[in-house]
Amino acid sequence: MAVTKPEKQLNVCFIGHVDSGKSTCVGNLAFQLGAVDKRLMEKYKKEAATNDKSSFCFAYVCDNTAAEKERGITISTTLIKICTKKFAINVLDCPGHKDFIKNMVRVLLKLMSQS
């Protein structure tokens, strides 16, 4: 079966205050659109429960480091690629904590310079 190339590319960046649900939203979106399968989502659910952060299971799709999982915040901007029949979507999950805003700004400036 041939894989068809999406017609358009979209770049989406989630920016907001710390603990506003950016990573959770991106993780849920990735799961709902098939970028994360059920087996991997179950792994994230178990890991979040083990860390006593069950409600963070979707955020674990984006927050990959031990420090991010332990603290429950995004430290580094994460790129999640989601493909649908019509779109190739690049989703950026950015940190919202004031100590890591510079990480977000650096990535956004680089992206803007490539446009």
PDB file of N, CA and C in Angstrom:
ATOM      1  N   MET A   1       0.843  -1.173   0.000  1.00  0.00           N
ATOM      2  CA  MET A   1       0.000   0.000   0.000  1.00  0.00           C
ATOM      3  C   MET A   1       0.893   1.242   0.000  1.00  0.00           C
ATOM      4  N   ALA A   2       0.676   2.125  -0.930  1.00  0.00           N
ATOM      5  CA  ALA A   2       1.480   3.338  -1.048  1.00  0.00           C
ATOM      6  C   ALA A   2       1.024   4.383  -0.034  1.00  0.00           C
ATOM      7  N   VAL A   3       2.002   5.049   0.533  1.00  0.00           N
ATOM      8  CA  VAL A   3       1.712   6.124   1.473  1.00  0.00           C
ATOM      9  C   VAL A   3       1.652   7.425   0.685  1.00  0.00           C
ATOM     10  N   THR A   4       0.556   8.145   0.842  1.00  0.00           N
ATOM     11  CA  THR A   4       0.418   9.411   0.123  1.00  0.00           C
ATOM     12  C   THR A   4       1.028  10.541   0.937  1.00  0.00           C
ATOM     13  N   LYS A   5       1.658  11.447   0.230  1.00  0.00           N
ATOM     14  CA  LYS A   5       2.280  12.597   0.880  1.00  0.00           C
ATOM     15  C   LYS A   5       1.206  13.644   1.185  1.00  0.00           C
ATOM     16  N   PRO A   6       1.202  14.168   2.422  1.00  0.00           N
ATOM     17  CA  PRO A   6       0.217  15.203   2.756  1.00  0.00           C
ATOM     18  C   PRO A   6       0.346  16.411   1.830  1.00  0.00           C
ATOM     19  N   GLU A   7      -0.774  17.055   1.578  1.00  0.00           N
ATOM     20  CA  GLU A   7      -0.817  18.207   0.682  1.00  0.00           C
ATOM     21  C   GLU A   7      -0.105  19.432   1.254  1.00  0.00           C
ATOM     22  N   LYS A   8      -0.265  19.675   2.533  1.00  0.00           N
ATOM     23  CA  LYS A   8       0.244  20.906   3.133  1.00  0.00           C
ATOM     24  C   LYS A   8       1.010  20.620   4.414  1.00  0.00           C
ATOM     25  N   GLN A   9       1.935  21.519   4.713  1.00  0.00           N
ATOM     26  CA  GLN A   9       2.659  21.437   5.972  1.00  0.00           C
ATOM     27  C   GLN A   9       2.199  22.571   6.876  1.00  0.00           C
ATOM     28  N   LEU A  10       1.955  22.236   8.126  1.00  0.00           N
ATOM     29  CA  LEU A  10       1.571  23.228   9.132  1.00  0.00           C
ATOM     30  C   LEU A  10       2.605  23.210  10.248  1.00  0.00           C
ATOM     31  N   ASN A  11       2.963  24.374  10.720  1.00  0.00           N
ATOM     32  CA  ASN A  11       3.829  24.503  11.881  1.00  0.00           C
ATOM     33  C   ASN A  11       3.021  25.167  12.985  1.00  0.00           C
ATOM     34  N   VAL A  12       2.924  24.492  14.125  1.00  0.00           N
ATOM     35  CA  VAL A  12       2.118  24.978  15.244  1.00  0.00           C
ATOM     36  C   VAL A  12       3.002  25.021  16.484  1.00  0.00           C
ATOM     37  N   CYS A  13       2.895  26.106  17.228  1.00  0.00           N
ATOM     38  CA  CYS A  13       3.699  26.261  18.431  1.00  0.00           C
ATOM     39  C   CYS A  13       2.778  26.530  19.622  1.00  0.00           C
ATOM     40  N   PHE A  14       2.903  25.715  20.655  1.00  0.00           N
ATOM     41  CA  PHE A  14       2.117  25.898  21.876  1.00  0.00           C
ATOM     42  C   PHE A  14       2.955  26.702  22.871  1.00  0.00           C
ATOM     43  N   ILE A  15       2.482  27.908  23.157  1.00  0.00           N
ATOM     44  CA  ILE A  15       3.154  28.812  24.090  1.00  0.00           C
ATOM     45  C   ILE A  15       2.126  29.243  25.131  1.00  0.00           C
ATOM     46  N   GLY A  16       2.538  29.280  26.381  1.00  0.00           N
ATOM     47  CA  GLY A  16       1.631  29.731  27.425  1.00  0.00           C
ATOM     48  C   GLY A  16       2.290  29.681  28.783  1.00  0.00           C
ATOM     49  N   HIS A  17       1.544  30.074  29.773  1.00  0.00           N
ATOM     50  CA  HIS A  17       2.022  30.111  31.148  1.00  0.00           C
ATOM     51  C   HIS A  17       2.329  28.698  31.639  1.00  0.00           C
ATOM     52  N   VAL A  18       3.248  28.596  32.592  1.00  0.00           N
ATOM     53  CA  VAL A  18       3.568  27.307  33.202  1.00  0.00           C
ATOM     54  C   VAL A  18       2.287  26.692  33.776  1.00  0.00           C
ATOM     55  N   ASP A  19       2.143  25.402  33.640  1.00  0.00           N
ATOM     56  CA  ASP A  19       0.995  24.638  34.149  1.00  0.00           C
ATOM     57  C   ASP A  19      -0.330  24.990  33.484  1.00  0.00           C
ATOM     58  N   SER A  20      -0.279  25.517  32.265  1.00  0.00           N
ATOM     59  CA  SER A  20      -1.530  25.822  31.559  1.00  0.00           C
ATOM     60  C   SER A  20      -2.011  24.657  30.697  1.00  0.00           C
ATOM     61  N   GLY A  21      -1.235  23.570  30.635  1.00  0.00           N
ATOM     62  CA  GLY A  21      -1.675  22.375  29.924  1.00  0.00           C
ATOM     63  C   GLY A  21      -1.143  22.232  28.506  1.00  0.00           C
ATOM     64  N   LYS A  22      -0.083  22.938  28.171  1.00  0.00           N
ATOM     65  CA  LYS A  22       0.473  22.878  26.817  1.00  0.00           C
ATOM     66  C   LYS A  22       0.919  21.467  26.450  1.00  0.00           C
ATOM     67  N   SER A  23       1.753  20.856  27.271  1.00  0.00           N
ATOM     68  CA  SER A  23       2.266  19.512  26.982  1.00  0.00           C
ATOM     69  C   SER A  23       1.147  18.483  26.986  1.00  0.00           C
ATOM     70  N   THR A  24       0.218  18.613  27.900  1.00  0.00           N
ATOM     71  CA  THR A  24      -0.925  17.704  27.961  1.00  0.00           C
ATOM     72  C   THR A  24      -1.749  17.807  26.685  1.00  0.00           C
ATOM     73  N   CYS A  25      -1.976  19.017  26.223  1.00  0.00           N
ATOM     74  CA  CYS A  25      -2.746  19.237  24.995  1.00  0.00           C
ATOM     75  C   CYS A  25      -2.022  18.649  23.784  1.00  0.00           C
ATOM     76  N   VAL A  26      -0.717  18.911  23.670  1.00  0.00           N
ATOM     77  CA  VAL A  26       0.063  18.384  22.541  1.00  0.00           C
ATOM     78  C   VAL A  26       0.093  16.858  22.581  1.00  0.00           C
ATOM     79  N   GLY A  27       0.313  16.282  23.751  1.00  0.00           N
ATOM     80  CA  GLY A  27       0.340  14.826  23.877  1.00  0.00           C
ATOM     81  C   GLY A  27      -0.988  14.195  23.517  1.00  0.00           C
ATOM     82  N   ASN A  28      -2.073  14.796  23.967  1.00  0.00           N
ATOM     83  CA  ASN A  28      -3.408  14.290  23.651  1.00  0.00           C
ATOM     84  C   ASN A  28      -3.678  14.407  22.154  1.00  0.00           C
ATOM     85  N   LEU A  29      -3.295  15.530  21.560  1.00  0.00           N
ATOM     86  CA  LEU A  29      -3.455  15.732  20.122  1.00  0.00           C
ATOM     87  C   LEU A  29      -2.676  14.669  19.342  1.00  0.00           C
ATOM     88  N   ALA A  30      -1.438  14.427  19.751  1.00  0.00           N
ATOM     89  CA  ALA A  30      -0.611  13.411  19.086  1.00  0.00           C
ATOM     90  C   ALA A  30      -1.249  12.030  19.200  1.00  0.00           C
ATOM     91  N   PHE A  31      -1.812  11.728  20.355  1.00  0.00           N
ATOM     92  CA  PHE A  31      -2.474  10.435  20.548  1.00  0.00           C
ATOM     93  C   PHE A  31      -3.740  10.343  19.699  1.00  0.00           C
ATOM     94  N   GLN A  32      -4.574  11.366  19.750  1.00  0.00           N
ATOM     95  CA  GLN A  32      -5.844  11.349  19.013  1.00  0.00           C
ATOM     96  C   GLN A  32      -5.640  11.263  17.502  1.00  0.00           C
ATOM     97  N   LEU A  33      -4.539  11.847  16.998  1.00  0.00           N
ATOM     98  CA  LEU A  33      -4.277  11.844  15.558  1.00  0.00           C
ATOM     99  C   LEU A  33      -3.352  10.710  15.120  1.00  0.00           C
ATOM    100  N   GLY A  34      -3.033   9.805  16.047  1.00  0.00           N
ATOM    101  CA  GLY A  34      -2.307   8.595  15.689  1.00  0.00           C
ATOM    102  C   GLY A  34      -0.793   8.684  15.677  1.00  0.00           C
ATOM    103  N   ALA A  35      -0.218   9.786  16.135  1.00  0.00           N
ATOM    104  CA  ALA A  35       1.241   9.897  16.196  1.00  0.00           C
ATOM    105  C   ALA A  35       1.807   9.095  17.366  1.00  0.00           C
ATOM    106  N   VAL A  36       0.963   8.793  18.329  1.00  0.00           N
ATOM    107  CA  VAL A  36       1.321   7.957  19.484  1.00  0.00           C
ATOM    108  C   VAL A  36       0.317   6.824  19.535  1.00  0.00           C
ATOM    109  N   ASP A  37       0.816   5.584  19.514  1.00  0.00           N
ATOM    110  CA  ASP A  37      -0.111   4.449  19.516  1.00  0.00           C
ATOM    111  C   ASP A  37      -0.537   4.078  20.946  1.00  0.00           C
ATOM    112  N   LYS A  38      -1.536   3.206  21.031  1.00  0.00           N
ATOM    113  CA  LYS A  38      -2.107   2.829  22.337  1.00  0.00           C
ATOM    114  C   LYS A  38      -1.074   2.188  23.250  1.00  0.00           C
ATOM    115  N   ARG A  39      -0.203   1.359  22.678  1.00  0.00           N
ATOM    116  CA  ARG A  39       0.802   0.668  23.490  1.00  0.00           C
ATOM    117  C   ARG A  39       1.757   1.675  24.144  1.00  0.00           C
ATOM    118  N   LEU A  40       2.208   2.652  23.372  1.00  0.00           N
ATOM    119  CA  LEU A  40       3.102   3.669  23.920  1.00  0.00           C
ATOM    120  C   LEU A  40       2.375   4.536  24.948  1.00  0.00           C
ATOM    121  N   MET A  41       1.106   4.828  24.685  1.00  0.00           N
ATOM    122  CA  MET A  41       0.332   5.628  25.636  1.00  0.00           C
ATOM    123  C   MET A  41       0.168   4.881  26.952  1.00  0.00           C
ATOM    124  N   GLU A  42      -0.022   3.575  26.887  1.00  0.00           N
ATOM    125  CA  GLU A  42      -0.114   2.769  28.115  1.00  0.00           C
ATOM    126  C   GLU A  42       1.187   2.845  28.904  1.00  0.00           C
ATOM    127  N   LYS A  43       2.309   2.832  28.194  1.00  0.00           N
ATOM    128  CA  LYS A  43       3.616   2.960  28.848  1.00  0.00           C
ATOM    129  C   LYS A  43       3.706   4.297  29.584  1.00  0.00           C
ATOM    130  N   TYR A  44       3.281   5.375  28.913  1.00  0.00           N
ATOM    131  CA  TYR A  44       3.311   6.694  29.551  1.00  0.00           C
ATOM    132  C   TYR A  44       2.378   6.749  30.757  1.00  0.00           C
ATOM    133  N   LYS A  45       1.210   6.118  30.656  1.00  0.00           N
ATOM    134  CA  LYS A  45       0.264   6.101  31.784  1.00  0.00           C
ATOM    135  C   LYS A  45       0.873   5.398  32.991  1.00  0.00           C
ATOM    136  N   LYS A  46       1.521   4.256  32.757  1.00  0.00           N
ATOM    137  CA  LYS A  46       2.148   3.511  33.854  1.00  0.00           C
ATOM    138  C   LYS A  46       3.289   4.308  34.468  1.00  0.00           C
ATOM    139  N   GLU A  47       4.101   4.916  33.614  1.00  0.00           N
ATOM    140  CA  GLU A  47       5.229   5.707  34.104  1.00  0.00           C
ATOM    141  C   GLU A  47       4.745   6.903  34.924  1.00  0.00           C
ATOM    142  N   ALA A  48       3.717   7.578  34.450  1.00  0.00           N
ATOM    143  CA  ALA A  48       3.168   8.722  35.181  1.00  0.00           C
ATOM    144  C   ALA A  48       2.602   8.273  36.529  1.00  0.00           C
ATOM    145  N   ALA A  49       1.914   7.142  36.551  1.00  0.00           N
ATOM    146  CA  ALA A  49       1.355   6.620  37.802  1.00  0.00           C
ATOM    147  C   ALA A  49       2.469   6.249  38.778  1.00  0.00           C
ATOM    148  N   THR A  50       3.533   5.649  38.264  1.00  0.00           N
ATOM    149  CA  THR A  50       4.677   5.287  39.098  1.00  0.00           C
ATOM    150  C   THR A  50       5.298   6.526  39.736  1.00  0.00           C
ATOM    151  N   ASN A  51       5.298   7.627  39.001  1.00  0.00           N
ATOM    152  CA  ASN A  51       5.856   8.888  39.505  1.00  0.00           C
ATOM    153  C   ASN A  51       4.840   9.707  40.298  1.00  0.00           C
ATOM    154  N   ASP A  52       3.676   9.104  40.589  1.00  0.00           N
ATOM    155  CA  ASP A  52       2.596   9.773  41.322  1.00  0.00           C
ATOM    156  C   ASP A  52       2.127  11.041  40.603  1.00  0.00           C
ATOM    157  N   LYS A  53       2.099  10.961  39.248  1.00  0.00           N
ATOM    158  CA  LYS A  53       1.646  12.080  38.416  1.00  0.00           C
ATOM    159  C   LYS A  53       0.733  11.547  37.312  1.00  0.00           C
ATOM    160  N   SER A  54      -0.268  10.780  37.694  1.00  0.00           N
ATOM    161  CA  SER A  54      -1.154  10.134  36.718  1.00  0.00           C
ATOM    162  C   SER A  54      -1.760  11.106  35.721  1.00  0.00           C
ATOM    163  N   SER A  55      -2.085  12.300  36.168  1.00  0.00           N
ATOM    164  CA  SER A  55      -2.719  13.271  35.271  1.00  0.00           C
ATOM    165  C   SER A  55      -1.743  13.839  34.239  1.00  0.00           C
ATOM    166  N   PHE A  56      -0.468  13.506  34.360  1.00  0.00           N
ATOM    167  CA  PHE A  56       0.551  14.009  33.441  1.00  0.00           C
ATOM    168  C   PHE A  56       0.840  13.040  32.294  1.00  0.00           C
ATOM    169  N   CYS A  57       0.069  11.972  32.156  1.00  0.00           N
ATOM    170  CA  CYS A  57       0.412  10.931  31.181  1.00  0.00           C
ATOM    171  C   CYS A  57       0.538  11.470  29.759  1.00  0.00           C
ATOM    172  N   PHE A  58      -0.337  12.364  29.334  1.00  0.00           N
ATOM    173  CA  PHE A  58      -0.224  12.919  27.983  1.00  0.00           C
ATOM    174  C   PHE A  58       0.983  13.850  27.871  1.00  0.00           C
ATOM    175  N   ALA A  59       1.320  14.540  28.941  1.00  0.00           N
ATOM    176  CA  ALA A  59       2.490  15.421  28.929  1.00  0.00           C
ATOM    177  C   ALA A  59       3.771  14.622  28.731  1.00  0.00           C
ATOM    178  N   TYR A  60       3.781  13.359  29.152  1.00  0.00           N
ATOM    179  CA  TYR A  60       4.966  12.516  29.001  1.00  0.00           C
ATOM    180  C   TYR A  60       5.301  12.247  27.535  1.00  0.00           C
ATOM    181  N   VAL A  61       4.347  12.465  26.630  1.00  0.00           N
ATOM    182  CA  VAL A  61       4.625  12.348  25.193  1.00  0.00           C
ATOM    183  C   VAL A  61       5.682  13.386  24.806  1.00  0.00           C
ATOM    184  N   CYS A  62       5.620  14.559  25.414  1.00  0.00           N
ATOM    185  CA  CYS A  62       6.529  15.668  25.089  1.00  0.00           C
ATOM    186  C   CYS A  62       7.697  15.783  26.059  1.00  0.00           C
ATOM    187  N   ASP A  63       7.432  15.589  27.313  1.00  0.00           N
ATOM    188  CA  ASP A  63       8.456  15.775  28.342  1.00  0.00           C
ATOM    189  C   ASP A  63       9.237  14.477  28.505  1.00  0.00           C
ATOM    190  N   ASN A  64      10.422  14.438  27.893  1.00  0.00           N
ATOM    191  CA  ASN A  64      11.175  13.193  27.786  1.00  0.00           C
ATOM    192  C   ASN A  64      12.237  12.984  28.856  1.00  0.00           C
ATOM    193  N   THR A  65      12.750  14.047  29.432  1.00  0.00           N
ATOM    194  CA  THR A  65      13.861  13.883  30.367  1.00  0.00           C
ATOM    195  C   THR A  65      13.360  13.560  31.776  1.00  0.00           C
ATOM    196  N   ALA A  66      14.245  12.968  32.554  1.00  0.00           N
ATOM    197  CA  ALA A  66      13.901  12.641  33.942  1.00  0.00           C
ATOM    198  C   ALA A  66      13.578  13.913  34.722  1.00  0.00           C
ATOM    199  N   ALA A  67      14.324  14.983  34.462  1.00  0.00           N
ATOM    200  CA  ALA A  67      14.085  16.249  35.174  1.00  0.00           C
ATOM    201  C   ALA A  67      12.702  16.803  34.853  1.00  0.00           C
ATOM    202  N   GLU A  68      12.295  16.719  33.586  1.00  0.00           N
ATOM    203  CA  GLU A  68      10.974  17.216  33.200  1.00  0.00           C
ATOM    204  C   GLU A  68       9.877  16.389  33.861  1.00  0.00           C
ATOM    205  N   LYS A  69      10.050  15.084  33.875  1.00  0.00           N
ATOM    206  CA  LYS A  69       9.035  14.205  34.466  1.00  0.00           C
ATOM    207  C   LYS A  69       8.976  14.371  35.977  1.00  0.00           C
ATOM    208  N   GLU A  70      10.125  14.522  36.605  1.00  0.00           N
ATOM    209  CA  GLU A  70      10.175  14.676  38.055  1.00  0.00           C
ATOM    210  C   GLU A  70       9.561  16.004  38.496  1.00  0.00           C
ATOM    211  N   ARG A  71       9.895  17.077  37.780  1.00  0.00           N
ATOM    212  CA  ARG A  71       9.412  18.410  38.159  1.00  0.00           C
ATOM    213  C   ARG A  71       8.023  18.716  37.623  1.00  0.00           C
ATOM    214  N   GLY A  72       7.604  17.980  36.599  1.00  0.00           N
ATOM    215  CA  GLY A  72       6.283  18.212  36.021  1.00  0.00           C
ATOM    216  C   GLY A  72       6.207  19.468  35.179  1.00  0.00           C
ATOM    217  N   ILE A  73       7.352  19.866  34.599  1.00  0.00           N
ATOM    218  CA  ILE A  73       7.389  21.044  33.728  1.00  0.00           C
ATOM    219  C   ILE A  73       8.223  20.737  32.490  1.00  0.00           C
ATOM    220  N   THR A  74       7.973  21.494  31.435  1.00  0.00           N
ATOM    221  CA  THR A  74       8.776  21.371  30.221  1.00  0.00           C
ATOM    222  C   THR A  74       9.992  22.274  30.360  1.00  0.00           C
ATOM    223  N   ILE A  75      11.163  21.716  30.066  1.00  0.00           N
ATOM    224  CA  ILE A  75      12.409  22.471  30.152  1.00  0.00           C
ATOM    225  C   ILE A  75      12.919  22.824  28.757  1.00  0.00           C
ATOM    226  N   SER A  76      12.839  21.869  27.846  1.00  0.00           N
ATOM    227  CA  SER A  76      13.301  22.075  26.470  1.00  0.00           C
ATOM    228  C   SER A  76      12.130  21.979  25.508  1.00  0.00           C
ATOM    229  N   THR A  77      12.175  22.778  24.466  1.00  0.00           N
ATOM    230  CA  THR A  77      11.146  22.718  23.428  1.00  0.00           C
ATOM    231  C   THR A  77      11.208  21.360  22.743  1.00  0.00           C
ATOM    232  N   THR A  78      10.048  20.759  22.533  1.00  0.00           N
ATOM    233  CA  THR A  78       9.954  19.442  21.910  1.00  0.00           C
ATOM    234  C   THR A  78       9.176  19.544  20.608  1.00  0.00           C
ATOM    235  N   LEU A  79       9.664  18.854  19.587  1.00  0.00           N
ATOM    236  CA  LEU A  79       8.980  18.785  18.297  1.00  0.00           C
ATOM    237  C   LEU A  79       8.262  17.448  18.189  1.00  0.00           C
ATOM    238  N   ILE A  80       6.976  17.495  17.916  1.00  0.00           N
ATOM    239  CA  ILE A  80       6.171  16.300  17.665  1.00  0.00           C
ATOM    240  C   ILE A  80       5.669  16.398  16.229  1.00  0.00           C
ATOM    241  N   LYS A  81       5.922  15.362  15.439  1.00  0.00           N
ATOM    242  CA  LYS A  81       5.466  15.338  14.045  1.00  0.00           C
ATOM    243  C   LYS A  81       4.200  14.499  13.952  1.00  0.00           C
ATOM    244  N   ILE A  82       3.168  15.093  13.377  1.00  0.00           N
ATOM    245  CA  ILE A  82       1.878  14.426  13.212  1.00  0.00           C
ATOM    246  C   ILE A  82       1.515  14.477  11.737  1.00  0.00           C
ATOM    247  N   CYS A  83       1.225  13.323  11.158  1.00  0.00           N
ATOM    248  CA  CYS A  83       0.837  13.276   9.744  1.00  0.00           C
ATOM    249  C   CYS A  83      -0.609  12.811   9.619  1.00  0.00           C
ATOM    250  N   THR A  84      -1.365  13.548   8.833  1.00  0.00           N
ATOM    251  CA  THR A  84      -2.724  13.154   8.487  1.00  0.00           C
ATOM    252  C   THR A  84      -2.770  13.028   6.968  1.00  0.00           C
ATOM    253  N   LYS A  85      -3.915  12.677   6.430  1.00  0.00           N
ATOM    254  CA  LYS A  85      -4.029  12.552   4.977  1.00  0.00           C
ATOM    255  C   LYS A  85      -3.763  13.877   4.278  1.00  0.00           C
ATOM    256  N   LYS A  86      -4.167  14.965   4.896  1.00  0.00           N
ATOM    257  CA  LYS A  86      -4.041  16.275   4.254  1.00  0.00           C
ATOM    258  C   LYS A  86      -2.863  17.107   4.741  1.00  0.00           C
ATOM    259  N   PHE A  87      -2.397  16.850   5.964  1.00  0.00           N
ATOM    260  CA  PHE A  87      -1.393  17.738   6.544  1.00  0.00           C
ATOM    261  C   PHE A  87      -0.230  16.984   7.179  1.00  0.00           C
ATOM    262  N   ALA A  88       0.951  17.570   7.038  1.00  0.00           N
ATOM    263  CA  ALA A  88       2.118  17.193   7.834  1.00  0.00           C
ATOM    264  C   ALA A  88       2.248  18.315   8.858  1.00  0.00           C
ATOM    265  N   ILE A  89       2.037  17.983  10.121  1.00  0.00           N
ATOM    266  CA  ILE A  89       1.979  19.007  11.163  1.00  0.00           C
ATOM    267  C   ILE A  89       3.201  18.884  12.071  1.00  0.00           C
ATOM    268  N   ASN A  90       3.945  19.963  12.189  1.00  0.00           N
ATOM    269  CA  ASN A  90       5.055  20.045  13.132  1.00  0.00           C
ATOM    270  C   ASN A  90       4.550  20.824  14.336  1.00  0.00           C
ATOM    271  N   VAL A  91       4.469  20.148  15.469  1.00  0.00           N
ATOM    272  CA  VAL A  91       3.947  20.780  16.681  1.00  0.00           C
ATOM    273  C   VAL A  91       5.099  20.987  17.657  1.00  0.00           C
ATOM    274  N   LEU A  92       5.292  22.228  18.074  1.00  0.00           N
ATOM    275  CA  LEU A  92       6.309  22.556  19.062  1.00  0.00           C
ATOM    276  C   LEU A  92       5.648  22.767  20.415  1.00  0.00           C
ATOM    277  N   ASP A  93       6.133  22.035  21.407  1.00  0.00           N
ATOM    278  CA  ASP A  93       5.684  22.214  22.785  1.00  0.00           C
ATOM    279  C   ASP A  93       6.780  22.992  23.500  1.00  0.00           C
ATOM    280  N   CYS A  94       6.480  24.209  23.910  1.00  0.00           N
ATOM    281  CA  CYS A  94       7.486  25.106  24.490  1.00  0.00           C
ATOM    282  C   CYS A  94       7.346  25.215  26.002  1.00  0.00           C
ATOM    283  N   PRO A  95       8.471  25.473  26.687  1.00  0.00           N
ATOM    284  CA  PRO A  95       8.398  25.666  28.135  1.00  0.00           C
ATOM    285  C   PRO A  95       7.652  26.947  28.492  1.00  0.00           C
ATOM    286  N   GLY A  96       6.981  26.924  29.630  1.00  0.00           N
ATOM    287  CA  GLY A  96       6.273  28.104  30.099  1.00  0.00           C
ATOM    288  C   GLY A  96       6.857  28.666  31.389  1.00  0.00           C
ATOM    289  N   HIS A  97       7.705  27.871  32.051  1.00  0.00           N
ATOM    290  CA  HIS A  97       8.305  28.317  33.303  1.00  0.00           C
ATOM    291  C   HIS A  97       9.295  29.443  33.024  1.00  0.00           C
ATOM    292  N   LYS A  98       9.279  30.468  33.852  1.00  0.00           N
ATOM    293  CA  LYS A  98      10.112  31.655  33.614  1.00  0.00           C
ATOM    294  C   LYS A  98      11.601  31.334  33.504  1.00  0.00           C
ATOM    295  N   ASP A  99      12.062  30.292  34.184  1.00  0.00           N
ATOM    296  CA  ASP A  99      13.480  29.937  34.132  1.00  0.00           C
ATOM    297  C   ASP A  99      13.894  29.342  32.786  1.00  0.00           C
ATOM    298  N   PHE A 100      12.912  28.923  31.973  1.00  0.00           N
ATOM    299  CA  PHE A 100      13.241  28.242  30.721  1.00  0.00           C
ATOM    300  C   PHE A 100      12.687  28.944  29.485  1.00  0.00           C
ATOM    301  N   ILE A 101      12.196  30.163  29.655  1.00  0.00           N
ATOM    302  CA  ILE A 101      11.674  30.932  28.523  1.00  0.00           C
ATOM    303  C   ILE A 101      12.757  31.126  27.463  1.00  0.00           C
ATOM    304  N   LYS A 102      14.006  31.287  27.902  1.00  0.00           N
ATOM    305  CA  LYS A 102      15.099  31.490  26.943  1.00  0.00           C
ATOM    306  C   LYS A 102      15.216  30.304  25.985  1.00  0.00           C
ATOM    307  N   ASN A 103      14.908  29.098  26.454  1.00  0.00           N
ATOM    308  CA  ASN A 103      14.944  27.920  25.582  1.00  0.00           C
ATOM    309  C   ASN A 103      13.901  28.044  24.478  1.00  0.00           C
ATOM    310  N   MET A 104      12.730  28.528  24.821  1.00  0.00           N
ATOM    311  CA  MET A 104      11.659  28.711  23.842  1.00  0.00           C
ATOM    312  C   MET A 104      12.023  29.799  22.848  1.00  0.00           C
ATOM    313  N   VAL A 105      12.516  30.918  23.339  1.00  0.00           N
ATOM    314  CA  VAL A 105      12.851  32.046  22.470  1.00  0.00           C
ATOM    315  C   VAL A 105      13.934  31.646  21.468  1.00  0.00           C
ATOM    316  N   ARG A 106      14.934  30.929  21.913  1.00  0.00           N
ATOM    317  CA  ARG A 106      16.024  30.483  21.041  1.00  0.00           C
ATOM    318  C   ARG A 106      15.485  29.651  19.878  1.00  0.00           C
ATOM    319  N   VAL A 107      14.603  28.717  20.160  1.00  0.00           N
ATOM    320  CA  VAL A 107      14.030  27.862  19.116  1.00  0.00           C
ATOM    321  C   VAL A 107      13.171  28.681  18.163  1.00  0.00           C
ATOM    322  N   LEU A 108      12.345  29.560  18.697  1.00  0.00           N
ATOM    323  CA  LEU A 108      11.474  30.370  17.846  1.00  0.00           C
ATOM    324  C   LEU A 108      12.268  31.301  16.939  1.00  0.00           C
ATOM    325  N   LEU A 109      13.335  31.895  17.449  1.00  0.00           N
ATOM    326  CA  LEU A 109      14.170  32.760  16.614  1.00  0.00           C
ATOM    327  C   LEU A 109      14.821  31.975  15.483  1.00  0.00           C
ATOM    328  N   LYS A 110      15.252  30.774  15.785  1.00  0.00           N
ATOM    329  CA  LYS A 110      15.857  29.925  14.752  1.00  0.00           C
ATOM    330  C   LYS A 110      14.825  29.581  13.680  1.00  0.00           C
ATOM    331  N   LEU A 111      13.631  29.226  14.106  1.00  0.00           N
ATOM    332  CA  LEU A 111      12.574  28.896  13.148  1.00  0.00           C
ATOM    333  C   LEU A 111      12.210  30.095  12.285  1.00  0.00           C
ATOM    334  N   MET A 112      12.115  31.254  12.900  1.00  0.00           N
ATOM    335  CA  MET A 112      11.756  32.456  12.148  1.00  0.00           C
ATOM    336  C   MET A 112      12.841  32.823  11.135  1.00  0.00           C
ATOM    337  N   SER A 113      14.091  32.572  11.465  1.00  0.00           N
ATOM    338  CA  SER A 113      15.180  32.900  10.545  1.00  0.00           C
ATOM    339  C   SER A 113      15.200  31.969   9.338  1.00  0.00           C
ATOM    340  N   GLN A 114      14.561  30.809   9.457  1.00  0.00           N
ATOM    341  CA  GLN A 114      14.516  29.843   8.356  1.00  0.00           C
ATOM    342  C   GLN A 114      13.310  30.052   7.458  1.00  0.00           C
ATOM    343  N   SER A 115      12.413  30.931   7.841  1.00  0.00           N
ATOM    344  CA  SER A 115      11.191  31.163   7.056  1.00  0.00           C
ATOM    345  C   SER A 115      11.472  31.962   5.809  1.00  0.00           C
TER     346      SER A 115
END
